[in-house]
Amino acid sequence: MIAIIDYGMGNLRSVEKGFEKVGHQAQIVKTADEIRQADAVVLPGVGAFGMAMEHIKAAGLDTAIIESVASGKPFLGICLGLQLLFDESEEFGPVRGLGIIPGKVVKFFPEGAPAGVKIPHMGWNGLNKVKDEAVLQDIPNGEYVYFVHSYYVVPNDDAVIATTTEYGGFSFTSSISNGNLYACQFHPEKSGTAGLTILKRFAELTKN
């Protein structure tokens, strides 16, 4: 069973429908026990980092999420679900995250965006593949996916970077991978055929 974690902040039904479209069932779950029993786990999310961490801790889900990643089962983070994996975010912070991936979450252009560059970064943008991960096997370099975010992740170790994306004159980390974990800043459930392909590849990992 693929578990989609419901901690009160996320586009859960869109992610669930995405898996359905590629022929795989996913179940929205709310408890630590359900997370632990799952064959694969998805951590989605939209909204503020601090509030998300408050909800996760209040529901007692933080330890189960950390254990799931450590267990080796396939784990997918989406948008805010990517950011929450890091040590901390400067959004209304610093605010401590789950601490699974060393690094931090920072704001685009804290001193002001260049002329013509809009924040949040919203819309379609391309992926530069740094590593050929299993979930990205059928995704050509330069493929466009859908983003909505004002903050981005900065890993301490560049080895975890799976893709980068250019925006506003510089390159940011748009997805990471580390063993059984893959997490992306973009929304695969809103990224057309490319995004559905990523969800399909992730779901297939549960069979291995």
C-alpha atoms as a PDB file:
ATOM      1  CA  MET A   1       0.000   0.000   0.000  1.00  0.00           C
ATOM      2  CA  ILE A   2       1.203   3.499  -0.886  1.00  0.00           C
ATOM      3  CA  ALA A   3       0.407   5.850   1.997  1.00  0.00           C
ATOM      4  CA  ILE A   4      -0.182   9.560   1.367  1.00  0.00           C
ATOM      5  CA  ILE A   5       0.282  11.375   4.674  1.00  0.00           C
ATOM      6  CA  ASP A   6      -2.527  13.695   5.718  1.00  0.00           C
ATOM      7  CA  TYR A   7      -1.313  16.177   8.327  1.00  0.00           C
ATOM      8  CA  GLY A   8      -3.829  18.857   7.422  1.00  0.00           C
ATOM      9  CA  MET A   9      -1.811  20.667   4.749  1.00  0.00           C
ATOM     10  CA  GLY A  10      -1.686  19.212   1.277  1.00  0.00           C
ATOM     11  CA  ASN A  11      -3.264  18.590  -2.083  1.00  0.00           C
ATOM     12  CA  LEU A  12      -3.956  15.007  -1.085  1.00  0.00           C
ATOM     13  CA  ARG A  13      -6.719  14.126  -3.504  1.00  0.00           C
ATOM     14  CA  SER A  14      -4.719  15.381  -6.487  1.00  0.00           C
ATOM     15  CA  VAL A  15      -1.819  13.122  -5.545  1.00  0.00           C
ATOM     16  CA  GLU A  16      -4.153  10.185  -4.942  1.00  0.00           C
ATOM     17  CA  LYS A  17      -5.814  10.718  -8.339  1.00  0.00           C
ATOM     18  CA  GLY A  18      -2.382  10.910  -9.969  1.00  0.00           C
ATOM     19  CA  PHE A  19      -1.528   7.419  -8.762  1.00  0.00           C
ATOM     20  CA  GLU A  20      -4.958   6.179  -9.855  1.00  0.00           C
ATOM     21  CA  LYS A  21      -4.345   7.507 -13.363  1.00  0.00           C
ATOM     22  CA  VAL A  22      -1.212   5.381 -13.698  1.00  0.00           C
ATOM     23  CA  GLY A  23      -2.910   2.247 -12.371  1.00  0.00           C
ATOM     24  CA  HIS A  24      -1.748   2.217  -8.750  1.00  0.00           C
ATOM     25  CA  GLN A  25      -3.801   2.554  -5.594  1.00  0.00           C
ATOM     26  CA  ALA A  26      -2.753   4.967  -2.890  1.00  0.00           C
ATOM     27  CA  GLN A  27      -4.437   5.558   0.450  1.00  0.00           C
ATOM     28  CA  ILE A  28      -4.633   8.786   2.430  1.00  0.00           C
ATOM     29  CA  VAL A  29      -3.542   8.080   6.025  1.00  0.00           C
ATOM     30  CA  LYS A  30      -3.496  10.073   9.254  1.00  0.00           C
ATOM     31  CA  THR A  31      -1.796   7.895  11.860  1.00  0.00           C
ATOM     32  CA  ALA A  32       1.741   6.809  12.665  1.00  0.00           C
ATOM     33  CA  ASP A  33       0.716   3.145  12.605  1.00  0.00           C
ATOM     34  CA  GLU A  34      -0.656   3.472   9.070  1.00  0.00           C
ATOM     35  CA  ILE A  35       2.592   5.073   7.945  1.00  0.00           C
ATOM     36  CA  ARG A  36       4.633   2.270   9.478  1.00  0.00           C
ATOM     37  CA  GLN A  37       2.465  -0.413   7.846  1.00  0.00           C
ATOM     38  CA  ALA A  38       2.720   1.089   4.351  1.00  0.00           C
ATOM     39  CA  ASP A  39       4.900  -0.364   1.581  1.00  0.00           C
ATOM     40  CA  ALA A  40       5.727   3.147   0.336  1.00  0.00           C
ATOM     41  CA  VAL A  41       5.150   6.624   1.740  1.00  0.00           C
ATOM     42  CA  VAL A  42       4.354  10.000   0.167  1.00  0.00           C
ATOM     43  CA  LEU A  43       4.782  13.264   2.094  1.00  0.00           C
ATOM     44  CA  PRO A  44       2.977  16.027   0.166  1.00  0.00           C
ATOM     45  CA  GLY A  45       2.326  19.553   1.310  1.00  0.00           C
ATOM     46  CA  VAL A  46       1.522  23.159   0.516  1.00  0.00           C
ATOM     47  CA  GLY A  47       1.702  26.170   2.818  1.00  0.00           C
ATOM     48  CA  ALA A  48       3.986  27.395   5.586  1.00  0.00           C
ATOM     49  CA  PHE A  49       6.873  25.277   6.863  1.00  0.00           C
ATOM     50  CA  GLY A  50       6.389  26.114  10.556  1.00  0.00           C
ATOM     51  CA  MET A  51       2.695  25.328  10.593  1.00  0.00           C
ATOM     52  CA  ALA A  52       3.316  22.055   8.780  1.00  0.00           C
ATOM     53  CA  MET A  53       5.863  20.971  11.394  1.00  0.00           C
ATOM     54  CA  GLU A  54       3.440  21.897  14.159  1.00  0.00           C
ATOM     55  CA  HIS A  55       0.734  19.740  12.596  1.00  0.00           C
ATOM     56  CA  ILE A  56       3.095  16.803  12.033  1.00  0.00           C
ATOM     57  CA  LYS A  57       4.361  16.862  15.612  1.00  0.00           C
ATOM     58  CA  ALA A  58       0.896  17.379  17.106  1.00  0.00           C
ATOM     59  CA  ALA A  59      -0.320  14.276  15.276  1.00  0.00           C
ATOM     60  CA  GLY A  60       2.739  12.284  16.375  1.00  0.00           C
ATOM     61  CA  LEU A  61       3.820  11.626  12.801  1.00  0.00           C
ATOM     62  CA  ASP A  62       7.398  12.927  12.848  1.00  0.00           C
ATOM     63  CA  THR A  63       8.989   9.791  14.304  1.00  0.00           C
ATOM     64  CA  ALA A  64       7.048   7.519  11.924  1.00  0.00           C
ATOM     65  CA  ILE A  65       8.196   9.577   8.924  1.00  0.00           C
ATOM     66  CA  ILE A  66      11.833   9.423  10.027  1.00  0.00           C
ATOM     67  CA  GLU A  67      11.549   5.680  10.650  1.00  0.00           C
ATOM     68  CA  SER A  68       9.975   5.123   7.223  1.00  0.00           C
ATOM     69  CA  VAL A  69      12.893   6.754   5.440  1.00  0.00           C
ATOM     70  CA  ALA A  70      15.385   4.813   7.574  1.00  0.00           C
ATOM     71  CA  SER A  71      13.562   1.519   6.903  1.00  0.00           C
ATOM     72  CA  GLY A  72      14.458   1.575   3.207  1.00  0.00           C
ATOM     73  CA  LYS A  73      10.890   1.636   1.874  1.00  0.00           C
ATOM     74  CA  PRO A  74      10.270   3.950  -1.113  1.00  0.00           C
ATOM     75  CA  PHE A  75       9.630   7.491   0.100  1.00  0.00           C
ATOM     76  CA  LEU A  76       8.462  10.473  -1.983  1.00  0.00           C
ATOM     77  CA  GLY A  77       8.362  14.099  -0.827  1.00  0.00           C
ATOM     78  CA  ILE A  78       6.438  16.677  -2.851  1.00  0.00           C
ATOM     79  CA  CYS A  79       6.867  20.485  -2.668  1.00  0.00           C
ATOM     80  CA  LEU A  80       6.631  21.392   1.034  1.00  0.00           C
ATOM     81  CA  GLY A  81       7.125  17.674   1.647  1.00  0.00           C
ATOM     82  CA  LEU A  82      10.635  18.072   0.197  1.00  0.00           C
ATOM     83  CA  GLN A  83      11.438  21.075   2.371  1.00  0.00           C
ATOM     84  CA  LEU A  84      10.255  19.420   5.589  1.00  0.00           C
ATOM     85  CA  LEU A  85      12.918  16.731   5.199  1.00  0.00           C
ATOM     86  CA  PHE A  86      15.675  19.292   5.847  1.00  0.00           C
ATOM     87  CA  ASP A  87      17.198  20.527   9.101  1.00  0.00           C
ATOM     88  CA  GLU A  88      15.548  23.927   9.120  1.00  0.00           C
ATOM     89  CA  SER A  89      13.764  26.630   7.153  1.00  0.00           C
ATOM     90  CA  GLU A  90      14.231  30.390   7.331  1.00  0.00           C
ATOM     91  CA  GLU A  91      10.514  30.891   6.575  1.00  0.00           C
ATOM     92  CA  PHE A  92       9.279  32.834   9.633  1.00  0.00           C
ATOM     93  CA  GLY A  93      12.229  31.253  11.372  1.00  0.00           C
ATOM     94  CA  PRO A  94      14.546  29.586  11.623  1.00  0.00           C
ATOM     95  CA  VAL A  95      12.174  26.664  12.173  1.00  0.00           C
ATOM     96  CA  ARG A  96      13.416  23.112  12.759  1.00  0.00           C
ATOM     97  CA  GLY A  97      12.441  20.480  10.223  1.00  0.00           C
ATOM     98  CA  LEU A  98      12.574  16.683  10.308  1.00  0.00           C
ATOM     99  CA  GLY A  99      16.363  16.644   9.981  1.00  0.00           C
ATOM    100  CA  ILE A 100      16.503  13.726   7.559  1.00  0.00           C
ATOM    101  CA  ILE A 101      18.557  15.568   4.933  1.00  0.00           C
ATOM    102  CA  PRO A 102      21.292  17.933   6.195  1.00  0.00           C
ATOM    103  CA  GLY A 103      20.743  21.418   4.863  1.00  0.00           C
ATOM    104  CA  LYS A 104      18.316  24.315   4.966  1.00  0.00           C
ATOM    105  CA  VAL A 105      15.413  25.962   3.179  1.00  0.00           C
ATOM    106  CA  VAL A 106      15.954  29.545   2.022  1.00  0.00           C
ATOM    107  CA  LYS A 107      13.959  32.283   0.335  1.00  0.00           C
ATOM    108  CA  PHE A 108      14.277  33.317  -3.287  1.00  0.00           C
ATOM    109  CA  PHE A 109      15.946  36.757  -3.543  1.00  0.00           C
ATOM    110  CA  PRO A 110      15.627  37.900   0.095  1.00  0.00           C
ATOM    111  CA  GLU A 111      16.898  41.346  -0.895  1.00  0.00           C
ATOM    112  CA  GLY A 112      14.383  41.658  -3.741  1.00  0.00           C
ATOM    113  CA  ALA A 113      13.908  39.848  -7.038  1.00  0.00           C
ATOM    114  CA  PRO A 114      15.560  41.093 -10.253  1.00  0.00           C
ATOM    115  CA  ALA A 115      13.400  43.081 -12.639  1.00  0.00           C
ATOM    116  CA  GLY A 116      10.866  40.852 -14.380  1.00  0.00           C
ATOM    117  CA  VAL A 117      11.311  37.938 -11.966  1.00  0.00           C
ATOM    118  CA  LYS A 118       8.195  37.054  -9.959  1.00  0.00           C
ATOM    119  CA  ILE A 119       8.025  35.443  -6.541  1.00  0.00           C
ATOM    120  CA  PRO A 120       6.561  32.943  -5.918  1.00  0.00           C
ATOM    121  CA  HIS A 121       8.151  30.968  -8.710  1.00  0.00           C
ATOM    122  CA  MET A 122       4.955  29.751 -10.324  1.00  0.00           C
ATOM    123  CA  GLY A 123       4.406  27.840 -13.536  1.00  0.00           C
ATOM    124  CA  TRP A 124       6.275  25.488 -15.858  1.00  0.00           C
ATOM    125  CA  ASN A 125      10.049  25.218 -15.840  1.00  0.00           C
ATOM    126  CA  GLY A 126      12.690  22.758 -17.015  1.00  0.00           C
ATOM    127  CA  LEU A 127      14.659  20.072 -15.198  1.00  0.00           C
ATOM    128  CA  ASN A 128      18.401  19.629 -15.542  1.00  0.00           C
ATOM    129  CA  LYS A 129      19.089  16.003 -14.632  1.00  0.00           C
ATOM    130  CA  VAL A 130      22.132  15.626 -12.399  1.00  0.00           C
ATOM    131  CA  LYS A 131      21.573  11.939 -11.579  1.00  0.00           C
ATOM    132  CA  ASP A 132      19.691   9.299 -13.544  1.00  0.00           C
ATOM    133  CA  GLU A 133      17.414   8.108 -10.762  1.00  0.00           C
ATOM    134  CA  ALA A 134      14.866   5.320 -11.231  1.00  0.00           C
ATOM    135  CA  VAL A 135      11.908   7.701 -10.988  1.00  0.00           C
ATOM    136  CA  LEU A 136      13.462   9.911 -13.680  1.00  0.00           C
ATOM    137  CA  GLN A 137      14.358   7.148 -16.157  1.00  0.00           C
ATOM    138  CA  ASP A 138      11.757   8.159 -18.748  1.00  0.00           C
ATOM    139  CA  ILE A 139      12.087  11.905 -18.163  1.00  0.00           C
ATOM    140  CA  PRO A 140      14.225  13.632 -20.823  1.00  0.00           C
ATOM    141  CA  ASN A 141      16.672  16.297 -19.776  1.00  0.00           C
ATOM    142  CA  GLY A 142      14.994  19.691 -20.019  1.00  0.00           C
ATOM    143  CA  GLU A 143      11.480  18.315 -19.439  1.00  0.00           C
ATOM    144  CA  TYR A 144       9.065  20.906 -18.090  1.00  0.00           C
ATOM    145  CA  VAL A 145       7.220  20.418 -14.791  1.00  0.00           C
ATOM    146  CA  TYR A 146       4.980  22.626 -12.648  1.00  0.00           C
ATOM    147  CA  PHE A 147       6.242  24.700  -9.692  1.00  0.00           C
ATOM    148  CA  VAL A 148       4.625  26.894  -7.024  1.00  0.00           C
ATOM    149  CA  HIS A 149       7.063  28.037  -4.305  1.00  0.00           C
ATOM    150  CA  SER A 150       8.868  30.973  -2.724  1.00  0.00           C
ATOM    151  CA  TYR A 151      11.547  28.941  -0.908  1.00  0.00           C
ATOM    152  CA  TYR A 152      14.006  26.316  -2.113  1.00  0.00           C
ATOM    153  CA  VAL A 153      16.295  23.734  -0.507  1.00  0.00           C
ATOM    154  CA  VAL A 154      20.062  23.980  -0.123  1.00  0.00           C
ATOM    155  CA  PRO A 155      21.546  20.557   0.735  1.00  0.00           C
ATOM    156  CA  ASN A 156      24.843  20.426   2.617  1.00  0.00           C
ATOM    157  CA  ASP A 157      25.943  17.583   0.352  1.00  0.00           C
ATOM    158  CA  ASP A 158      25.617  18.126  -3.406  1.00  0.00           C
ATOM    159  CA  ALA A 159      25.603  14.339  -3.868  1.00  0.00           C
ATOM    160  CA  VAL A 160      21.889  14.234  -3.023  1.00  0.00           C
ATOM    161  CA  ILE A 161      20.921  16.639  -5.831  1.00  0.00           C
ATOM    162  CA  ALA A 162      18.946  14.804  -8.544  1.00  0.00           C
ATOM    163  CA  THR A 163      17.823  17.782 -10.661  1.00  0.00           C
ATOM    164  CA  THR A 164      18.356  21.510 -10.798  1.00  0.00           C
ATOM    165  CA  THR A 165      16.252  24.244 -12.379  1.00  0.00           C
ATOM    166  CA  GLU A 166      17.147  27.718 -13.628  1.00  0.00           C
ATOM    167  CA  TYR A 167      15.141  30.681 -12.363  1.00  0.00           C
ATOM    168  CA  GLY A 168      15.902  34.350 -12.104  1.00  0.00           C
ATOM    169  CA  GLY A 169      19.459  33.931 -13.296  1.00  0.00           C
ATOM    170  CA  PHE A 170      20.618  31.139 -11.013  1.00  0.00           C
ATOM    171  CA  SER A 171      20.246  27.404 -10.526  1.00  0.00           C
ATOM    172  CA  PHE A 172      18.401  25.881  -7.554  1.00  0.00           C
ATOM    173  CA  THR A 173      17.898  22.289  -6.405  1.00  0.00           C
ATOM    174  CA  SER A 174      14.551  21.126  -7.774  1.00  0.00           C
ATOM    175  CA  SER A 175      14.727  17.503  -6.587  1.00  0.00           C
ATOM    176  CA  ILE A 176      16.898  15.272  -4.444  1.00  0.00           C
ATOM    177  CA  SER A 177      17.508  11.559  -4.056  1.00  0.00           C
ATOM    178  CA  ASN A 178      19.226   9.554  -1.367  1.00  0.00           C
ATOM    179  CA  GLY A 179      18.845   5.801  -1.541  1.00  0.00           C
ATOM    180  CA  ASN A 180      15.151   4.963  -1.174  1.00  0.00           C
ATOM    181  CA  LEU A 181      14.185   8.648  -0.873  1.00  0.00           C
ATOM    182  CA  TYR A 182      13.200  10.914  -3.757  1.00  0.00           C
ATOM    183  CA  ALA A 183      11.736  14.361  -3.174  1.00  0.00           C
ATOM    184  CA  CYS A 184      10.855  17.143  -5.588  1.00  0.00           C
ATOM    185  CA  GLN A 185      10.057  20.844  -5.321  1.00  0.00           C
ATOM    186  CA  PHE A 186       7.714  20.645  -8.297  1.00  0.00           C
ATOM    187  CA  HIS A 187       4.270  19.022  -8.293  1.00  0.00           C
ATOM    188  CA  PRO A 188       4.299  15.756 -10.306  1.00  0.00           C
ATOM    189  CA  GLU A 189       0.519  15.447  -9.876  1.00  0.00           C
ATOM    190  CA  LYS A 190       0.151  18.756 -11.765  1.00  0.00           C
ATOM    191  CA  SER A 191       2.911  18.184 -14.322  1.00  0.00           C
ATOM    192  CA  GLY A 192       1.050  16.363 -17.092  1.00  0.00           C
ATOM    193  CA  THR A 193       2.511  13.236 -18.659  1.00  0.00           C
ATOM    194  CA  ALA A 194       5.981  13.812 -17.208  1.00  0.00           C
ATOM    195  CA  GLY A 195       4.661  14.063 -13.671  1.00  0.00           C
ATOM    196  CA  LEU A 196       2.460  11.004 -14.019  1.00  0.00           C
ATOM    197  CA  THR A 197       5.467   9.089 -15.330  1.00  0.00           C
ATOM    198  CA  ILE A 198       7.376   9.987 -12.158  1.00  0.00           C
ATOM    199  CA  LEU A 199       4.467   8.799  -9.991  1.00  0.00           C
ATOM    200  CA  LYS A 200       4.271   5.569 -11.996  1.00  0.00           C
ATOM    201  CA  ARG A 201       7.983   4.892 -11.632  1.00  0.00           C
ATOM    202  CA  PHE A 202       7.795   5.578  -7.907  1.00  0.00           C
ATOM    203  CA  ALA A 203       4.828   3.219  -7.477  1.00  0.00           C
ATOM    204  CA  GLU A 204       6.697   0.484  -9.331  1.00  0.00           C
ATOM    205  CA  LEU A 205       9.511   0.650  -6.783  1.00  0.00           C
ATOM    206  CA  THR A 206       7.166  -0.978  -4.257  1.00  0.00           C
ATOM    207  CA  LYS A 207       7.366  -4.198  -6.302  1.00  0.00           C
ATOM    208  CA  ASN A 208      11.144  -4.496  -6.048  1.00  0.00           C
END
